[in-house]
Protein backbone atom coordinates (compact mmCIF):
# COMPACT_ATOMS: atom_id res chain seq x y z
CA UNK A 1 0.00 0.00 0.00
CA UNK A 2 1.36 3.40 -0.95
CA UNK A 3 1.59 5.65 2.08
CA UNK A 4 3.40 8.73 0.89
CA UNK A 5 4.95 10.38 -2.13
CA UNK A 6 7.60 13.11 -2.25
CA UNK A 7 8.33 15.24 -5.29
CA UNK A 8 11.83 16.66 -4.98
CA UNK A 9 13.68 18.39 -7.81
CA UNK A 10 11.57 16.67 -10.47
CA UNK A 11 12.14 13.26 -8.84
CA UNK A 12 9.30 11.18 -7.45
CA UNK A 13 10.10 9.28 -4.23
CA UNK A 14 7.39 6.83 -3.16
CA UNK A 15 7.08 4.96 0.14
CA UNK A 16 5.14 1.68 0.24
CA UNK A 17 4.45 -0.58 3.21
CA UNK A 18 2.80 -4.00 2.97
CA UNK A 19 0.51 -5.58 5.55
CA UNK A 20 3.35 -7.86 6.57
CA UNK A 21 5.96 -5.14 7.17
CA UNK A 22 7.80 -5.00 3.84
CA UNK A 23 8.82 -1.38 3.25
CA UNK A 24 9.73 -0.36 -0.29
CA UNK A 25 11.17 2.89 -1.64
CA UNK A 26 10.78 3.71 -5.33
CA UNK A 27 12.59 6.59 -6.99
CA UNK A 28 11.14 7.54 -10.36
CA UNK A 29 9.47 4.11 -10.51
CA UNK A 30 12.63 2.10 -9.76
CA UNK A 31 13.07 0.15 -6.53
CA UNK A 32 15.96 1.62 -4.54
CA UNK A 33 15.42 0.05 -1.13
CA UNK A 34 13.38 -2.75 0.38
CA UNK A 35 13.42 -3.89 4.00
CA UNK A 36 11.26 -5.86 6.37
CA UNK A 37 10.26 -3.92 9.46
CA UNK A 38 7.88 -4.10 12.37
CA UNK A 39 9.02 -1.05 14.35
CA UNK A 40 10.94 0.89 11.71
CA UNK A 41 13.87 0.89 9.31
CA UNK A 42 16.39 3.12 7.55
CA UNK A 43 16.45 3.34 3.78
CA UNK A 44 19.51 5.01 2.22
CA UNK A 45 19.72 5.83 -1.48
CA UNK A 46 21.21 8.36 -3.89
CA UNK A 47 19.68 10.53 -6.53
CA UNK A 48 22.47 11.72 -8.78
CA UNK A 49 25.16 12.65 -6.19
CA UNK A 50 22.77 13.63 -3.41
CA UNK A 51 22.34 11.20 -0.51
CA UNK A 52 18.85 10.65 0.87
CA UNK A 53 17.61 8.67 3.82
CA UNK A 54 14.07 7.75 4.75
CA UNK A 55 13.65 6.54 8.31
CA UNK A 56 10.43 4.93 9.46
CA UNK A 57 9.42 4.51 13.07
CA UNK A 58 6.39 2.72 14.46
CA UNK A 59 5.72 2.29 18.16
CA UNK A 60 3.66 -0.80 18.79
CA UNK A 61 0.52 -0.23 20.86
CA UNK A 62 0.94 3.55 20.81
CA UNK A 63 -1.05 6.05 18.74
CA UNK A 64 -1.41 3.90 15.56
CA UNK A 65 0.75 6.29 13.55
CA UNK A 66 4.17 5.89 12.10
CA UNK A 67 6.77 8.56 11.58
CA UNK A 68 8.36 9.08 8.22
CA UNK A 69 11.57 11.15 8.21
CA UNK A 70 13.20 12.30 4.98
CA UNK A 71 16.79 13.50 5.12
CA UNK A 72 18.87 15.03 2.36
CA UNK A 73 22.65 14.96 2.87
CA UNK A 74 22.12 14.29 6.59
CA UNK A 75 19.67 17.15 7.18
CA UNK A 76 16.01 16.61 7.98
CA UNK A 77 13.88 18.10 5.23
CA UNK A 78 10.48 16.54 5.98
CA UNK A 79 8.70 14.74 8.81
CA UNK A 80 5.30 13.10 8.44
CA UNK A 81 3.02 11.38 10.94
CA UNK A 82 0.90 8.93 9.01
CA UNK A 83 -2.06 7.19 10.61
CA UNK A 84 -2.43 3.50 9.82
CA UNK A 85 -5.82 2.43 8.62
CA UNK A 86 -7.98 0.20 10.82
CA UNK A 87 -7.80 -2.73 8.43
CA UNK A 88 -4.00 -2.73 8.65
CA UNK A 89 -4.06 -2.57 12.46
CA UNK A 90 -6.57 -5.43 12.72
CA UNK A 91 -4.56 -7.58 10.34
CA UNK A 92 -1.37 -6.94 12.33
CA UNK A 93 -3.06 -7.79 15.63
CA UNK A 94 -4.56 -10.96 14.12
CA UNK A 95 -1.22 -12.00 12.63
CA UNK A 96 0.66 -11.57 15.90
CA UNK A 97 -2.06 -13.38 17.86
CA UNK A 98 -1.87 -16.26 15.39
CA UNK A 99 1.94 -16.40 15.64
CA UNK A 100 1.78 -16.15 19.43
CA UNK A 101 -0.75 -18.98 19.62
CA UNK A 102 1.45 -21.31 17.57
CA UNK A 103 4.60 -20.36 19.49
CA UNK A 104 2.86 -21.22 22.77
CA UNK A 105 1.69 -24.57 21.33
CA UNK A 106 5.22 -25.28 20.11
CA UNK A 107 6.72 -24.33 23.47
CA UNK A 108 4.31 -26.60 25.34
CA UNK A 109 5.35 -29.57 23.18
CA UNK A 110 9.04 -29.12 24.06
C-alpha atoms as a PDB file:
ATOM      1  CA  UNK A   1       0.000   0.000   0.000  1.00  0.00           C
ATOM      2  CA  UNK A   2       1.358   3.395  -0.949  1.00  0.00           C
ATOM      3  CA  UNK A   3       1.588   5.649   2.079  1.00  0.00           C
ATOM      4  CA  UNK A   4       3.403   8.731   0.889  1.00  0.00           C
ATOM      5  CA  UNK A   5       4.948  10.382  -2.128  1.00  0.00           C
ATOM      6  CA  UNK A   6       7.596  13.110  -2.246  1.00  0.00           C
ATOM      7  CA  UNK A   7       8.334  15.238  -5.292  1.00  0.00           C
ATOM      8  CA  UNK A   8      11.833  16.661  -4.980  1.00  0.00           C
ATOM      9  CA  UNK A   9      13.682  18.394  -7.809  1.00  0.00           C
ATOM     10  CA  UNK A  10      11.567  16.675 -10.474  1.00  0.00           C
ATOM     11  CA  UNK A  11      12.136  13.260  -8.839  1.00  0.00           C
ATOM     12  CA  UNK A  12       9.297  11.178  -7.454  1.00  0.00           C
ATOM     13  CA  UNK A  13      10.101   9.276  -4.234  1.00  0.00           C
ATOM     14  CA  UNK A  14       7.394   6.827  -3.157  1.00  0.00           C
ATOM     15  CA  UNK A  15       7.078   4.963   0.142  1.00  0.00           C
ATOM     16  CA  UNK A  16       5.138   1.680   0.244  1.00  0.00           C
ATOM     17  CA  UNK A  17       4.450  -0.582   3.214  1.00  0.00           C
ATOM     18  CA  UNK A  18       2.804  -4.003   2.968  1.00  0.00           C
ATOM     19  CA  UNK A  19       0.509  -5.576   5.546  1.00  0.00           C
ATOM     20  CA  UNK A  20       3.349  -7.858   6.573  1.00  0.00           C
ATOM     21  CA  UNK A  21       5.955  -5.138   7.166  1.00  0.00           C
ATOM     22  CA  UNK A  22       7.803  -4.998   3.842  1.00  0.00           C
ATOM     23  CA  UNK A  23       8.816  -1.384   3.251  1.00  0.00           C
ATOM     24  CA  UNK A  24       9.732  -0.364  -0.285  1.00  0.00           C
ATOM     25  CA  UNK A  25      11.168   2.890  -1.641  1.00  0.00           C
ATOM     26  CA  UNK A  26      10.776   3.711  -5.331  1.00  0.00           C
ATOM     27  CA  UNK A  27      12.589   6.593  -6.992  1.00  0.00           C
ATOM     28  CA  UNK A  28      11.136   7.540 -10.361  1.00  0.00           C
ATOM     29  CA  UNK A  29       9.471   4.114 -10.513  1.00  0.00           C
ATOM     30  CA  UNK A  30      12.632   2.100  -9.759  1.00  0.00           C
ATOM     31  CA  UNK A  31      13.066   0.151  -6.529  1.00  0.00           C
ATOM     32  CA  UNK A  32      15.956   1.625  -4.541  1.00  0.00           C
ATOM     33  CA  UNK A  33      15.416   0.054  -1.133  1.00  0.00           C
ATOM     34  CA  UNK A  34      13.378  -2.749   0.376  1.00  0.00           C
ATOM     35  CA  UNK A  35      13.421  -3.887   4.000  1.00  0.00           C
ATOM     36  CA  UNK A  36      11.258  -5.865   6.375  1.00  0.00           C
ATOM     37  CA  UNK A  37      10.265  -3.921   9.460  1.00  0.00           C
ATOM     38  CA  UNK A  38       7.876  -4.096  12.374  1.00  0.00           C
ATOM     39  CA  UNK A  39       9.015  -1.053  14.353  1.00  0.00           C
ATOM     40  CA  UNK A  40      10.943   0.895  11.711  1.00  0.00           C
ATOM     41  CA  UNK A  41      13.866   0.885   9.305  1.00  0.00           C
ATOM     42  CA  UNK A  42      16.393   3.117   7.553  1.00  0.00           C
ATOM     43  CA  UNK A  43      16.454   3.338   3.777  1.00  0.00           C
ATOM     44  CA  UNK A  44      19.506   5.007   2.217  1.00  0.00           C
ATOM     45  CA  UNK A  45      19.721   5.834  -1.475  1.00  0.00           C
ATOM     46  CA  UNK A  46      21.213   8.362  -3.886  1.00  0.00           C
ATOM     47  CA  UNK A  47      19.677  10.530  -6.529  1.00  0.00           C
ATOM     48  CA  UNK A  48      22.474  11.723  -8.779  1.00  0.00           C
ATOM     49  CA  UNK A  49      25.158  12.650  -6.188  1.00  0.00           C
ATOM     50  CA  UNK A  50      22.771  13.625  -3.412  1.00  0.00           C
ATOM     51  CA  UNK A  51      22.343  11.198  -0.510  1.00  0.00           C
ATOM     52  CA  UNK A  52      18.852  10.647   0.873  1.00  0.00           C
ATOM     53  CA  UNK A  53      17.610   8.671   3.817  1.00  0.00           C
ATOM     54  CA  UNK A  54      14.069   7.755   4.747  1.00  0.00           C
ATOM     55  CA  UNK A  55      13.653   6.537   8.310  1.00  0.00           C
ATOM     56  CA  UNK A  56      10.434   4.935   9.458  1.00  0.00           C
ATOM     57  CA  UNK A  57       9.423   4.505  13.065  1.00  0.00           C
ATOM     58  CA  UNK A  58       6.389   2.724  14.460  1.00  0.00           C
ATOM     59  CA  UNK A  59       5.716   2.289  18.158  1.00  0.00           C
ATOM     60  CA  UNK A  60       3.662  -0.803  18.788  1.00  0.00           C
ATOM     61  CA  UNK A  61       0.519  -0.233  20.863  1.00  0.00           C
ATOM     62  CA  UNK A  62       0.941   3.552  20.809  1.00  0.00           C
ATOM     63  CA  UNK A  63      -1.048   6.046  18.738  1.00  0.00           C
ATOM     64  CA  UNK A  64      -1.413   3.903  15.564  1.00  0.00           C
ATOM     65  CA  UNK A  65       0.753   6.288  13.551  1.00  0.00           C
ATOM     66  CA  UNK A  66       4.172   5.893  12.101  1.00  0.00           C
ATOM     67  CA  UNK A  67       6.771   8.560  11.583  1.00  0.00           C
ATOM     68  CA  UNK A  68       8.359   9.081   8.217  1.00  0.00           C
ATOM     69  CA  UNK A  69      11.574  11.147   8.214  1.00  0.00           C
ATOM     70  CA  UNK A  70      13.196  12.301   4.981  1.00  0.00           C
ATOM     71  CA  UNK A  71      16.792  13.505   5.120  1.00  0.00           C
ATOM     72  CA  UNK A  72      18.869  15.029   2.357  1.00  0.00           C
ATOM     73  CA  UNK A  73      22.649  14.959   2.871  1.00  0.00           C
ATOM     74  CA  UNK A  74      22.115  14.286   6.588  1.00  0.00           C
ATOM     75  CA  UNK A  75      19.673  17.154   7.180  1.00  0.00           C
ATOM     76  CA  UNK A  76      16.012  16.606   7.978  1.00  0.00           C
ATOM     77  CA  UNK A  77      13.875  18.100   5.228  1.00  0.00           C
ATOM     78  CA  UNK A  78      10.482  16.535   5.979  1.00  0.00           C
ATOM     79  CA  UNK A  79       8.703  14.743   8.810  1.00  0.00           C
ATOM     80  CA  UNK A  80       5.301  13.103   8.443  1.00  0.00           C
ATOM     81  CA  UNK A  81       3.021  11.384  10.943  1.00  0.00           C
ATOM     82  CA  UNK A  82       0.898   8.927   9.006  1.00  0.00           C
ATOM     83  CA  UNK A  83      -2.061   7.190  10.608  1.00  0.00           C
ATOM     84  CA  UNK A  84      -2.426   3.504   9.823  1.00  0.00           C
ATOM     85  CA  UNK A  85      -5.824   2.434   8.622  1.00  0.00           C
ATOM     86  CA  UNK A  86      -7.979   0.197  10.822  1.00  0.00           C
ATOM     87  CA  UNK A  87      -7.796  -2.731   8.427  1.00  0.00           C
ATOM     88  CA  UNK A  88      -3.996  -2.729   8.651  1.00  0.00           C
ATOM     89  CA  UNK A  89      -4.057  -2.573  12.463  1.00  0.00           C
ATOM     90  CA  UNK A  90      -6.574  -5.431  12.718  1.00  0.00           C
ATOM     91  CA  UNK A  91      -4.560  -7.582  10.339  1.00  0.00           C
ATOM     92  CA  UNK A  92      -1.365  -6.943  12.333  1.00  0.00           C
ATOM     93  CA  UNK A  93      -3.064  -7.792  15.631  1.00  0.00           C
ATOM     94  CA  UNK A  94      -4.562 -10.962  14.124  1.00  0.00           C
ATOM     95  CA  UNK A  95      -1.222 -12.004  12.629  1.00  0.00           C
ATOM     96  CA  UNK A  96       0.658 -11.568  15.903  1.00  0.00           C
ATOM     97  CA  UNK A  97      -2.065 -13.382  17.861  1.00  0.00           C
ATOM     98  CA  UNK A  98      -1.869 -16.258  15.394  1.00  0.00           C
ATOM     99  CA  UNK A  99       1.942 -16.397  15.636  1.00  0.00           C
ATOM    100  CA  UNK A 100       1.784 -16.154  19.430  1.00  0.00           C
ATOM    101  CA  UNK A 101      -0.752 -18.979  19.617  1.00  0.00           C
ATOM    102  CA  UNK A 102       1.450 -21.306  17.569  1.00  0.00           C
ATOM    103  CA  UNK A 103       4.600 -20.357  19.491  1.00  0.00           C
ATOM    104  CA  UNK A 104       2.857 -21.220  22.769  1.00  0.00           C
ATOM    105  CA  UNK A 105       1.688 -24.566  21.331  1.00  0.00           C
ATOM    106  CA  UNK A 106       5.216 -25.280  20.106  1.00  0.00           C
ATOM    107  CA  UNK A 107       6.720 -24.330  23.468  1.00  0.00           C
ATOM    108  CA  UNK A 108       4.308 -26.602  25.339  1.00  0.00           C
ATOM    109  CA  UNK A 109       5.348 -29.572  23.184  1.00  0.00           C
ATOM    110  CA  UNK A 110       9.036 -29.125  24.061  1.00  0.00           C
END
